Structure formats: C-alpha cells, structure tokens
Amino acid sequence: MAGGVPTWEEVARDHGRFLYNVAYRLAGNDSDAQDLVQEALLRVRKGLERYQPGSLEGWLARIVTNVFLDEVRRRRRRPADSFPEDPDWVIPPAPAADEVSTGFSDEVQAALAALPEEFRSAVVLCDVADLPYEQIAESLGVPVGTVRSRIHRGRRLLRNALVSTGETA
C-alpha cells in the first residue's frame, strides 16, 4: 500500500478485524456482524477506485455503518426477512465473539444492542471506531451538533442501563 490506495485484498486482510469489531458492536451478534462485514467488503470492492487516501479506517467504518443502517431500514420494510445462515460466504473469517478486541462484557454489549440505532451508531463510531465528530456526521448524514447530542444521549442511556444491571460504567 505504501501511503496510496490499498488493494481489496490488503483491506480484507489488514482491516477485517476492525470491520468485524465495528459491525459486531452495531449488530450485537456474531452472525449479523459477519453478514455486515461481507456486504461492507463488497462495497469496498466497488468503491476502492474512488477512495481518496486519508483515514482508511474512517472510510471503512462509514461503509460498515451505512450497511448496518441500510439493513435496519430494509428490516423495517420487510421484518420477516432474516440474514442467510451460510457462514462460508463471509470474507475474511471473523474472530469469535469472545475475541472482539474491545473486551466489552455481555452486559455492556446487551445495553449497547438495546440502544435505538441512531444512538448506537453514533456511540459505536465514536467510542469503538474512534472517529472524529465530523466524520461521524458525514457518515450518518446529520449535522455535527446532532452527532454530539446522539453520543451524549446514547452514553447516558448506556450508563442508566448498566447502573440498573449492576455493571459499572
């Protein structure tokens, strides 16, 4: 890669775990996270020629978040649809849920999964993907002030959920 545009294989190999981590925190389970990563990698393949060198992880986090939001919208239109169950189609192989690098407890992951998606997306992009507010705003298509509000409210909801379960935030 050497500071330029990476190949798709380099993205899949070097950033697959990052994509999975963001997808897992958004989806809340391994199967859906694997599907999100697969779709995100397909979108990366299609959009790589338009990638402008810069924050690759920011770009990848935006893609996986957009895939997640598209899936949420699709499920609202057709709630009976589910993800296919064929794990052999996932590229690259995802780590097991207990290997996710941020080490969230089950209680924290459950509280995160229970957040409304607009708060969950903002909190995950900020606190898991470590993106700046401006990139989060661009990714979600909302003003920076809305991002700040969603992160604040999402963190407050997380804190309240964790206090009620006895988990310390």
N, C-alpha and C. Protein backbone atom coordinates (compact mmCIF):
# COMPACT_ATOMS: atom_id res chain seq x y z
N MET A 1 0.83 -1.19 0.00
CA MET A 1 0.00 0.00 0.00
C MET A 1 0.87 1.24 0.00
N ALA A 2 1.82 1.39 0.87
CA ALA A 2 2.81 2.48 0.88
C ALA A 2 2.20 3.87 0.75
N GLY A 3 1.18 4.19 1.58
CA GLY A 3 0.60 5.53 1.60
C GLY A 3 -0.40 5.80 0.50
N GLY A 4 -0.57 4.88 -0.46
CA GLY A 4 -1.51 5.07 -1.56
C GLY A 4 -2.81 4.35 -1.30
N VAL A 5 -3.46 4.00 -2.38
CA VAL A 5 -4.71 3.28 -2.29
C VAL A 5 -4.41 1.79 -2.10
N PRO A 6 -4.98 1.18 -1.07
CA PRO A 6 -4.71 -0.24 -0.85
C PRO A 6 -5.49 -1.10 -1.84
N THR A 7 -5.06 -2.34 -2.00
CA THR A 7 -5.82 -3.29 -2.80
C THR A 7 -6.95 -3.83 -1.92
N TRP A 8 -7.93 -4.44 -2.57
CA TRP A 8 -9.03 -5.02 -1.81
C TRP A 8 -8.52 -6.11 -0.88
N GLU A 9 -7.58 -6.89 -1.36
CA GLU A 9 -7.02 -7.97 -0.54
C GLU A 9 -6.34 -7.41 0.70
N GLU A 10 -5.63 -6.29 0.56
CA GLU A 10 -4.99 -5.66 1.72
C GLU A 10 -6.03 -5.17 2.72
N VAL A 11 -7.10 -4.58 2.21
CA VAL A 11 -8.18 -4.11 3.11
C VAL A 11 -8.76 -5.29 3.86
N ALA A 12 -9.12 -6.35 3.13
CA ALA A 12 -9.73 -7.52 3.76
C ALA A 12 -8.79 -8.15 4.79
N ARG A 13 -7.54 -8.28 4.44
CA ARG A 13 -6.56 -8.93 5.32
C ARG A 13 -6.20 -8.05 6.53
N ASP A 14 -5.90 -6.78 6.27
CA ASP A 14 -5.37 -5.92 7.32
C ASP A 14 -6.44 -5.23 8.16
N HIS A 15 -7.65 -5.11 7.63
CA HIS A 15 -8.69 -4.36 8.35
C HIS A 15 -9.95 -5.17 8.59
N GLY A 16 -9.91 -6.47 8.30
CA GLY A 16 -11.07 -7.33 8.53
C GLY A 16 -11.50 -7.36 9.98
N ARG A 17 -10.55 -7.43 10.89
CA ARG A 17 -10.88 -7.47 12.33
C ARG A 17 -11.52 -6.14 12.76
N PHE A 18 -10.99 -5.03 12.25
CA PHE A 18 -11.58 -3.72 12.56
C PHE A 18 -13.03 -3.65 12.07
N LEU A 19 -13.26 -4.08 10.82
CA LEU A 19 -14.62 -4.08 10.27
C LEU A 19 -15.55 -4.95 11.12
N TYR A 20 -15.06 -6.12 11.48
CA TYR A 20 -15.87 -7.03 12.29
C TYR A 20 -16.19 -6.41 13.64
N ASN A 21 -15.22 -5.77 14.26
CA ASN A 21 -15.41 -5.17 15.58
C ASN A 21 -16.51 -4.10 15.53
N VAL A 22 -16.45 -3.23 14.53
CA VAL A 22 -17.48 -2.19 14.38
C VAL A 22 -18.82 -2.85 14.08
N ALA A 23 -18.84 -3.82 13.16
CA ALA A 23 -20.09 -4.49 12.80
C ALA A 23 -20.70 -5.21 13.99
N TYR A 24 -19.86 -5.86 14.79
CA TYR A 24 -20.37 -6.60 15.96
C TYR A 24 -21.00 -5.64 16.97
N ARG A 25 -20.37 -4.50 17.19
CA ARG A 25 -20.91 -3.54 18.14
C ARG A 25 -22.21 -2.92 17.63
N LEU A 26 -22.34 -2.79 16.33
CA LEU A 26 -23.59 -2.26 15.76
C LEU A 26 -24.69 -3.32 15.78
N ALA A 27 -24.37 -4.53 15.34
CA ALA A 27 -25.39 -5.58 15.18
C ALA A 27 -25.70 -6.29 16.49
N GLY A 28 -24.68 -6.45 17.33
CA GLY A 28 -24.90 -7.10 18.62
C GLY A 28 -24.78 -8.60 18.62
N ASN A 29 -24.52 -9.21 17.45
CA ASN A 29 -24.33 -10.66 17.44
C ASN A 29 -23.40 -11.04 16.29
N ASP A 30 -22.82 -12.21 16.43
CA ASP A 30 -21.79 -12.67 15.50
C ASP A 30 -22.32 -12.88 14.09
N SER A 31 -23.45 -13.53 13.96
CA SER A 31 -23.98 -13.86 12.63
C SER A 31 -24.28 -12.60 11.82
N ASP A 32 -24.99 -11.65 12.41
CA ASP A 32 -25.31 -10.41 11.70
C ASP A 32 -24.04 -9.61 11.42
N ALA A 33 -23.09 -9.62 12.36
CA ALA A 33 -21.83 -8.89 12.15
C ALA A 33 -21.07 -9.47 10.96
N GLN A 34 -21.04 -10.79 10.84
CA GLN A 34 -20.37 -11.41 9.70
C GLN A 34 -21.03 -10.99 8.39
N ASP A 35 -22.36 -10.94 8.38
CA ASP A 35 -23.07 -10.52 7.18
C ASP A 35 -22.78 -9.06 6.85
N LEU A 36 -22.72 -8.22 7.88
CA LEU A 36 -22.40 -6.81 7.65
C LEU A 36 -20.99 -6.65 7.06
N VAL A 37 -20.05 -7.42 7.58
CA VAL A 37 -18.67 -7.36 7.07
C VAL A 37 -18.64 -7.82 5.62
N GLN A 38 -19.35 -8.88 5.31
CA GLN A 38 -19.37 -9.38 3.93
C GLN A 38 -19.91 -8.30 2.99
N GLU A 39 -21.02 -7.69 3.34
CA GLU A 39 -21.60 -6.65 2.48
C GLU A 39 -20.68 -5.44 2.42
N ALA A 40 -20.07 -5.07 3.53
CA ALA A 40 -19.15 -3.93 3.54
C ALA A 40 -17.96 -4.19 2.62
N LEU A 41 -17.43 -5.40 2.64
CA LEU A 41 -16.30 -5.72 1.76
C LEU A 41 -16.70 -5.71 0.29
N LEU A 42 -17.94 -6.08 0.00
CA LEU A 42 -18.42 -5.96 -1.38
C LEU A 42 -18.47 -4.50 -1.80
N ARG A 43 -18.93 -3.63 -0.90
CA ARG A 43 -18.99 -2.20 -1.20
C ARG A 43 -17.59 -1.61 -1.31
N VAL A 44 -16.66 -2.10 -0.50
CA VAL A 44 -15.27 -1.64 -0.61
C VAL A 44 -14.73 -1.99 -1.99
N ARG A 45 -14.99 -3.21 -2.43
CA ARG A 45 -14.50 -3.64 -3.75
C ARG A 45 -15.03 -2.73 -4.85
N LYS A 46 -16.31 -2.35 -4.76
CA LYS A 46 -16.92 -1.48 -5.77
C LYS A 46 -16.41 -0.05 -5.67
N GLY A 47 -16.09 0.42 -4.48
CA GLY A 47 -15.74 1.82 -4.30
C GLY A 47 -14.27 2.12 -4.14
N LEU A 48 -13.42 1.11 -4.19
CA LEU A 48 -12.00 1.32 -3.92
C LEU A 48 -11.34 2.25 -4.93
N GLU A 49 -11.79 2.24 -6.19
CA GLU A 49 -11.15 3.13 -7.16
C GLU A 49 -11.47 4.59 -6.89
N ARG A 50 -12.53 4.86 -6.12
CA ARG A 50 -12.88 6.25 -5.78
C ARG A 50 -12.32 6.67 -4.42
N TYR A 51 -11.67 5.75 -3.70
CA TYR A 51 -11.12 6.08 -2.38
C TYR A 51 -9.99 7.10 -2.52
N GLN A 52 -10.08 8.15 -1.72
CA GLN A 52 -9.03 9.16 -1.67
C GLN A 52 -8.19 8.88 -0.43
N PRO A 53 -6.89 8.63 -0.58
CA PRO A 53 -6.06 8.32 0.60
C PRO A 53 -6.27 9.33 1.72
N GLY A 54 -6.43 8.78 2.89
CA GLY A 54 -6.69 9.57 4.09
C GLY A 54 -6.93 8.60 5.23
N SER A 55 -8.00 8.78 5.93
CA SER A 55 -8.34 7.91 7.05
C SER A 55 -9.05 6.66 6.52
N LEU A 56 -8.29 5.61 6.26
CA LEU A 56 -8.86 4.38 5.74
C LEU A 56 -9.85 3.78 6.73
N GLU A 57 -9.48 3.75 8.01
CA GLU A 57 -10.40 3.18 8.99
C GLU A 57 -11.67 4.01 9.10
N GLY A 58 -11.58 5.32 8.96
CA GLY A 58 -12.77 6.16 8.96
C GLY A 58 -13.68 5.83 7.79
N TRP A 59 -13.07 5.65 6.62
CA TRP A 59 -13.83 5.30 5.43
C TRP A 59 -14.50 3.94 5.60
N LEU A 60 -13.75 2.97 6.13
CA LEU A 60 -14.30 1.63 6.33
C LEU A 60 -15.41 1.63 7.38
N ALA A 61 -15.24 2.40 8.46
CA ALA A 61 -16.28 2.49 9.48
C ALA A 61 -17.56 3.10 8.91
N ARG A 62 -17.41 4.10 8.05
CA ARG A 62 -18.59 4.69 7.41
C ARG A 62 -19.30 3.66 6.55
N ILE A 63 -18.54 2.87 5.82
CA ILE A 63 -19.15 1.86 4.95
C ILE A 63 -19.92 0.84 5.78
N VAL A 64 -19.30 0.28 6.81
CA VAL A 64 -19.99 -0.74 7.59
C VAL A 64 -21.19 -0.14 8.33
N THR A 65 -21.10 1.11 8.76
CA THR A 65 -22.24 1.75 9.40
C THR A 65 -23.37 1.96 8.41
N ASN A 66 -23.04 2.38 7.21
CA ASN A 66 -24.07 2.55 6.19
C ASN A 66 -24.73 1.22 5.83
N VAL A 67 -23.96 0.15 5.78
CA VAL A 67 -24.52 -1.18 5.54
C VAL A 67 -25.48 -1.53 6.67
N PHE A 68 -25.08 -1.27 7.92
CA PHE A 68 -25.94 -1.54 9.07
C PHE A 68 -27.24 -0.74 8.98
N LEU A 69 -27.13 0.56 8.71
CA LEU A 69 -28.33 1.40 8.63
C LEU A 69 -29.23 0.98 7.47
N ASP A 70 -28.64 0.60 6.34
CA ASP A 70 -29.43 0.10 5.22
C ASP A 70 -30.18 -1.17 5.62
N GLU A 71 -29.52 -2.04 6.35
CA GLU A 71 -30.15 -3.29 6.79
C GLU A 71 -31.28 -3.01 7.79
N VAL A 72 -31.09 -2.06 8.69
CA VAL A 72 -32.15 -1.70 9.63
C VAL A 72 -33.37 -1.20 8.85
N ARG A 73 -33.15 -0.34 7.87
CA ARG A 73 -34.25 0.17 7.05
C ARG A 73 -34.93 -0.96 6.28
N ARG A 74 -34.14 -1.87 5.73
CA ARG A 74 -34.70 -2.99 4.97
C ARG A 74 -35.54 -3.88 5.88
N ARG A 75 -35.06 -4.14 7.06
CA ARG A 75 -35.81 -4.98 8.00
C ARG A 75 -37.11 -4.33 8.43
N ARG A 76 -37.13 -3.02 8.50
CA ARG A 76 -38.38 -2.33 8.84
C ARG A 76 -39.41 -2.51 7.73
N ARG A 77 -38.94 -2.50 6.48
CA ARG A 77 -39.85 -2.68 5.34
C ARG A 77 -40.32 -4.12 5.23
N ARG A 78 -39.40 -5.07 5.50
CA ARG A 78 -39.72 -6.50 5.41
C ARG A 78 -39.23 -7.20 6.66
N PRO A 79 -39.98 -7.07 7.78
CA PRO A 79 -39.49 -7.61 9.05
C PRO A 79 -39.35 -9.13 9.09
N ALA A 80 -39.98 -9.87 8.20
CA ALA A 80 -39.87 -11.32 8.22
C ALA A 80 -38.55 -11.81 7.63
N ASP A 81 -37.87 -10.97 6.84
CA ASP A 81 -36.60 -11.37 6.24
C ASP A 81 -35.53 -11.51 7.31
N SER A 82 -34.66 -12.49 7.13
CA SER A 82 -33.53 -12.63 8.05
C SER A 82 -32.26 -12.79 7.23
N PHE A 83 -31.13 -12.67 7.90
CA PHE A 83 -29.85 -12.88 7.25
C PHE A 83 -29.72 -14.35 6.86
N PRO A 84 -29.05 -14.65 5.76
CA PRO A 84 -28.79 -16.05 5.42
C PRO A 84 -27.86 -16.66 6.46
N GLU A 85 -27.96 -17.97 6.62
CA GLU A 85 -27.21 -18.66 7.66
C GLU A 85 -25.91 -19.31 7.17
N ASP A 86 -25.42 -18.98 5.98
CA ASP A 86 -24.26 -19.64 5.42
C ASP A 86 -22.98 -18.89 5.79
N PRO A 87 -22.26 -19.34 6.84
CA PRO A 87 -21.05 -18.62 7.26
C PRO A 87 -19.89 -18.77 6.30
N ASP A 88 -19.94 -19.71 5.35
CA ASP A 88 -18.84 -19.90 4.40
C ASP A 88 -18.69 -18.74 3.43
N TRP A 89 -19.69 -17.90 3.30
CA TRP A 89 -19.65 -16.78 2.37
C TRP A 89 -18.99 -15.56 2.97
N VAL A 90 -18.67 -15.59 4.23
CA VAL A 90 -18.09 -14.42 4.89
C VAL A 90 -16.60 -14.32 4.58
N ILE A 91 -16.16 -13.14 4.14
CA ILE A 91 -14.74 -12.89 3.83
C ILE A 91 -14.35 -11.64 4.59
N PRO A 92 -13.33 -11.59 5.34
CA PRO A 92 -12.48 -12.67 5.78
C PRO A 92 -13.12 -13.41 6.96
N PRO A 93 -12.53 -14.52 7.39
CA PRO A 93 -13.07 -15.21 8.55
C PRO A 93 -13.05 -14.25 9.74
N ALA A 94 -14.16 -14.18 10.41
CA ALA A 94 -14.29 -13.25 11.53
C ALA A 94 -13.84 -13.94 12.82
N PRO A 95 -13.31 -13.16 13.75
CA PRO A 95 -12.96 -13.74 15.03
C PRO A 95 -14.22 -14.12 15.78
N ALA A 96 -14.08 -15.04 16.70
CA ALA A 96 -15.22 -15.41 17.54
C ALA A 96 -15.64 -14.21 18.37
N ALA A 97 -16.90 -14.21 18.77
CA ALA A 97 -17.44 -13.07 19.51
C ALA A 97 -16.64 -12.79 20.78
N ASP A 98 -16.09 -13.83 21.40
CA ASP A 98 -15.32 -13.62 22.62
C ASP A 98 -13.91 -13.12 22.35
N GLU A 99 -13.53 -12.99 21.07
CA GLU A 99 -12.21 -12.47 20.71
C GLU A 99 -12.23 -11.02 20.28
N VAL A 100 -13.40 -10.37 20.30
CA VAL A 100 -13.51 -8.98 19.87
C VAL A 100 -12.61 -8.14 20.77
N SER A 101 -11.81 -7.29 20.15
CA SER A 101 -10.69 -6.66 20.83
C SER A 101 -11.06 -5.63 21.90
N THR A 102 -12.28 -5.07 21.88
CA THR A 102 -12.58 -4.06 22.88
C THR A 102 -12.94 -4.68 24.22
N GLY A 103 -13.22 -5.97 24.27
CA GLY A 103 -13.44 -6.66 25.53
C GLY A 103 -14.66 -6.20 26.31
N PHE A 104 -15.74 -5.85 25.64
CA PHE A 104 -16.95 -5.46 26.34
C PHE A 104 -17.54 -6.68 27.04
N SER A 105 -18.09 -6.48 28.22
CA SER A 105 -18.77 -7.57 28.91
C SER A 105 -20.11 -7.83 28.20
N ASP A 106 -20.71 -8.96 28.54
CA ASP A 106 -22.02 -9.29 27.96
C ASP A 106 -23.05 -8.23 28.32
N GLU A 107 -22.96 -7.70 29.54
CA GLU A 107 -23.92 -6.67 29.98
C GLU A 107 -23.77 -5.39 29.17
N VAL A 108 -22.52 -4.99 28.91
CA VAL A 108 -22.28 -3.78 28.13
C VAL A 108 -22.75 -3.99 26.69
N GLN A 109 -22.43 -5.16 26.10
CA GLN A 109 -22.88 -5.43 24.74
C GLN A 109 -24.40 -5.46 24.66
N ALA A 110 -25.06 -6.06 25.65
CA ALA A 110 -26.53 -6.10 25.64
C ALA A 110 -27.11 -4.70 25.76
N ALA A 111 -26.53 -3.87 26.62
CA ALA A 111 -27.01 -2.49 26.76
C ALA A 111 -26.78 -1.71 25.47
N LEU A 112 -25.65 -1.93 24.83
CA LEU A 112 -25.36 -1.27 23.56
C LEU A 112 -26.35 -1.72 22.48
N ALA A 113 -26.61 -3.01 22.41
CA ALA A 113 -27.55 -3.55 21.42
C ALA A 113 -28.97 -3.05 21.64
N ALA A 114 -29.30 -2.70 22.88
CA ALA A 114 -30.65 -2.23 23.20
C ALA A 114 -30.86 -0.76 22.84
N LEU A 115 -29.79 -0.03 22.56
CA LEU A 115 -29.94 1.38 22.19
C LEU A 115 -30.65 1.51 20.85
N PRO A 116 -31.46 2.55 20.69
CA PRO A 116 -32.01 2.83 19.35
C PRO A 116 -30.84 3.02 18.37
N GLU A 117 -31.03 2.59 17.11
CA GLU A 117 -29.90 2.56 16.17
C GLU A 117 -29.23 3.90 15.95
N GLU A 118 -29.97 5.03 16.03
CA GLU A 118 -29.31 6.32 15.80
C GLU A 118 -28.32 6.64 16.93
N PHE A 119 -28.62 6.23 18.15
CA PHE A 119 -27.69 6.43 19.26
C PHE A 119 -26.56 5.40 19.20
N ARG A 120 -26.91 4.14 18.90
CA ARG A 120 -25.91 3.08 18.84
C ARG A 120 -24.88 3.39 17.77
N SER A 121 -25.32 3.82 16.60
CA SER A 121 -24.40 4.13 15.51
C SER A 121 -23.43 5.23 15.92
N ALA A 122 -23.94 6.29 16.50
CA ALA A 122 -23.09 7.41 16.90
C ALA A 122 -22.09 6.99 17.98
N VAL A 123 -22.55 6.24 18.98
CA VAL A 123 -21.66 5.82 20.07
C VAL A 123 -20.60 4.85 19.56
N VAL A 124 -20.99 3.90 18.72
CA VAL A 124 -20.01 2.93 18.19
C VAL A 124 -18.97 3.62 17.33
N LEU A 125 -19.41 4.52 16.45
CA LEU A 125 -18.45 5.22 15.59
C LEU A 125 -17.49 6.09 16.41
N CYS A 126 -17.98 6.65 17.51
CA CYS A 126 -17.13 7.50 18.35
C CYS A 126 -16.24 6.66 19.26
N ASP A 127 -16.85 5.75 20.02
CA ASP A 127 -16.13 5.07 21.09
C ASP A 127 -15.47 3.76 20.68
N VAL A 128 -15.93 3.13 19.62
CA VAL A 128 -15.31 1.88 19.15
C VAL A 128 -14.41 2.17 17.95
N ALA A 129 -14.96 2.86 16.95
CA ALA A 129 -14.18 3.15 15.74
C ALA A 129 -13.28 4.36 15.93
N ASP A 130 -13.50 5.15 16.98
CA ASP A 130 -12.67 6.31 17.32
C ASP A 130 -12.62 7.35 16.20
N LEU A 131 -13.78 7.58 15.58
CA LEU A 131 -13.86 8.58 14.52
C LEU A 131 -14.15 9.96 15.11
N PRO A 132 -13.64 11.01 14.47
CA PRO A 132 -13.98 12.37 14.92
C PRO A 132 -15.44 12.69 14.56
N TYR A 133 -16.01 13.64 15.29
CA TYR A 133 -17.41 14.00 15.11
C TYR A 133 -17.74 14.36 13.66
N GLU A 134 -16.84 15.03 12.98
CA GLU A 134 -17.09 15.45 11.61
C GLU A 134 -17.27 14.24 10.69
N GLN A 135 -16.45 13.20 10.86
CA GLN A 135 -16.59 12.00 10.04
C GLN A 135 -17.86 11.24 10.40
N ILE A 136 -18.22 11.23 11.67
CA ILE A 136 -19.46 10.58 12.09
C ILE A 136 -20.65 11.30 11.46
N ALA A 137 -20.62 12.62 11.49
CA ALA A 137 -21.71 13.42 10.91
C ALA A 137 -21.84 13.12 9.42
N GLU A 138 -20.73 13.07 8.72
CA GLU A 138 -20.74 12.76 7.29
C GLU A 138 -21.30 11.37 7.03
N SER A 139 -20.86 10.41 7.84
CA SER A 139 -21.30 9.03 7.68
C SER A 139 -22.79 8.87 7.91
N LEU A 140 -23.30 9.55 8.93
CA LEU A 140 -24.71 9.40 9.28
C LEU A 140 -25.61 10.38 8.54
N GLY A 141 -25.01 11.36 7.88
CA GLY A 141 -25.80 12.35 7.13
C GLY A 141 -26.56 13.31 8.02
N VAL A 142 -25.95 13.66 9.15
CA VAL A 142 -26.58 14.60 10.09
C VAL A 142 -25.57 15.67 10.48
N PRO A 143 -26.04 16.80 11.02
CA PRO A 143 -25.10 17.84 11.46
C PRO A 143 -24.25 17.37 12.66
N VAL A 144 -23.10 18.02 12.84
CA VAL A 144 -22.19 17.67 13.94
C VAL A 144 -22.90 17.83 15.30
N GLY A 145 -23.73 18.86 15.43
CA GLY A 145 -24.47 19.05 16.68
C GLY A 145 -25.38 17.87 16.99
N THR A 146 -25.97 17.30 15.99
CA THR A 146 -26.81 16.12 16.19
C THR A 146 -25.96 14.93 16.62
N VAL A 147 -24.77 14.80 16.04
CA VAL A 147 -23.86 13.73 16.45
C VAL A 147 -23.51 13.88 17.92
N ARG A 148 -23.14 15.09 18.33
CA ARG A 148 -22.80 15.32 19.74
C ARG A 148 -23.96 14.96 20.66
N SER A 149 -25.17 15.36 20.25
CA SER A 149 -26.36 15.06 21.05
C SER A 149 -26.62 13.56 21.13
N ARG A 150 -26.50 12.88 19.99
CA ARG A 150 -26.74 11.43 19.99
C ARG A 150 -25.71 10.68 20.82
N ILE A 151 -24.47 11.10 20.74
CA ILE A 151 -23.43 10.45 21.55
C ILE A 151 -23.71 10.68 23.03
N HIS A 152 -24.02 11.92 23.38
CA HIS A 152 -24.31 12.23 24.78
C HIS A 152 -25.51 11.43 25.29
N ARG A 153 -26.59 11.44 24.52
CA ARG A 153 -27.80 10.72 24.94
C ARG A 153 -27.57 9.21 24.93
N GLY A 154 -26.84 8.71 23.94
CA GLY A 154 -26.54 7.28 23.89
C GLY A 154 -25.71 6.82 25.07
N ARG A 155 -24.71 7.61 25.42
CA ARG A 155 -23.88 7.27 26.58
C ARG A 155 -24.69 7.31 27.86
N ARG A 156 -25.60 8.29 27.97
CA ARG A 156 -26.45 8.39 29.15
C ARG A 156 -27.37 7.17 29.25
N LEU A 157 -27.96 6.77 28.13
CA LEU A 157 -28.81 5.58 28.13
C LEU A 157 -28.01 4.33 28.50
N LEU A 158 -26.80 4.23 27.98
CA LEU A 158 -25.93 3.10 28.35
C LEU A 158 -25.63 3.10 29.84
N ARG A 159 -25.25 4.27 30.34
CA ARG A 159 -24.94 4.38 31.77
C ARG A 159 -26.14 3.96 32.61
N ASN A 160 -27.33 4.47 32.27
CA ASN A 160 -28.54 4.13 33.03
C ASN A 160 -28.84 2.63 32.96
N ALA A 161 -28.66 2.04 31.79
CA ALA A 161 -28.91 0.61 31.63
C ALA A 161 -27.92 -0.21 32.46
N LEU A 162 -26.66 0.23 32.47
CA LEU A 162 -25.64 -0.52 33.21
C LEU A 162 -25.79 -0.36 34.71
N VAL A 163 -26.21 0.81 35.15
CA VAL A 163 -26.44 1.03 36.58
C VAL A 163 -27.58 0.13 37.06
N SER A 164 -28.62 0.00 36.22
CA SER A 164 -29.77 -0.84 36.62
C SER A 164 -29.43 -2.32 36.61
N THR A 165 -28.40 -2.73 35.85
CA THR A 165 -28.00 -4.15 35.85
C THR A 165 -26.87 -4.42 36.84
N GLY A 166 -26.35 -3.35 37.45
CA GLY A 166 -25.28 -3.52 38.41
C GLY A 166 -23.90 -3.45 37.81
N GLU A 167 -23.79 -3.30 36.51
CA GLU A 167 -22.49 -3.16 35.83
C GLU A 167 -22.01 -1.73 36.03
N THR A 168 -20.72 -1.55 36.30
CA THR A 168 -20.18 -0.21 36.45
C THR A 168 -19.72 0.30 35.11
N ALA A 169 -20.05 1.58 34.83
CA ALA A 169 -19.69 2.14 33.52
C ALA A 169 -18.34 2.78 33.55
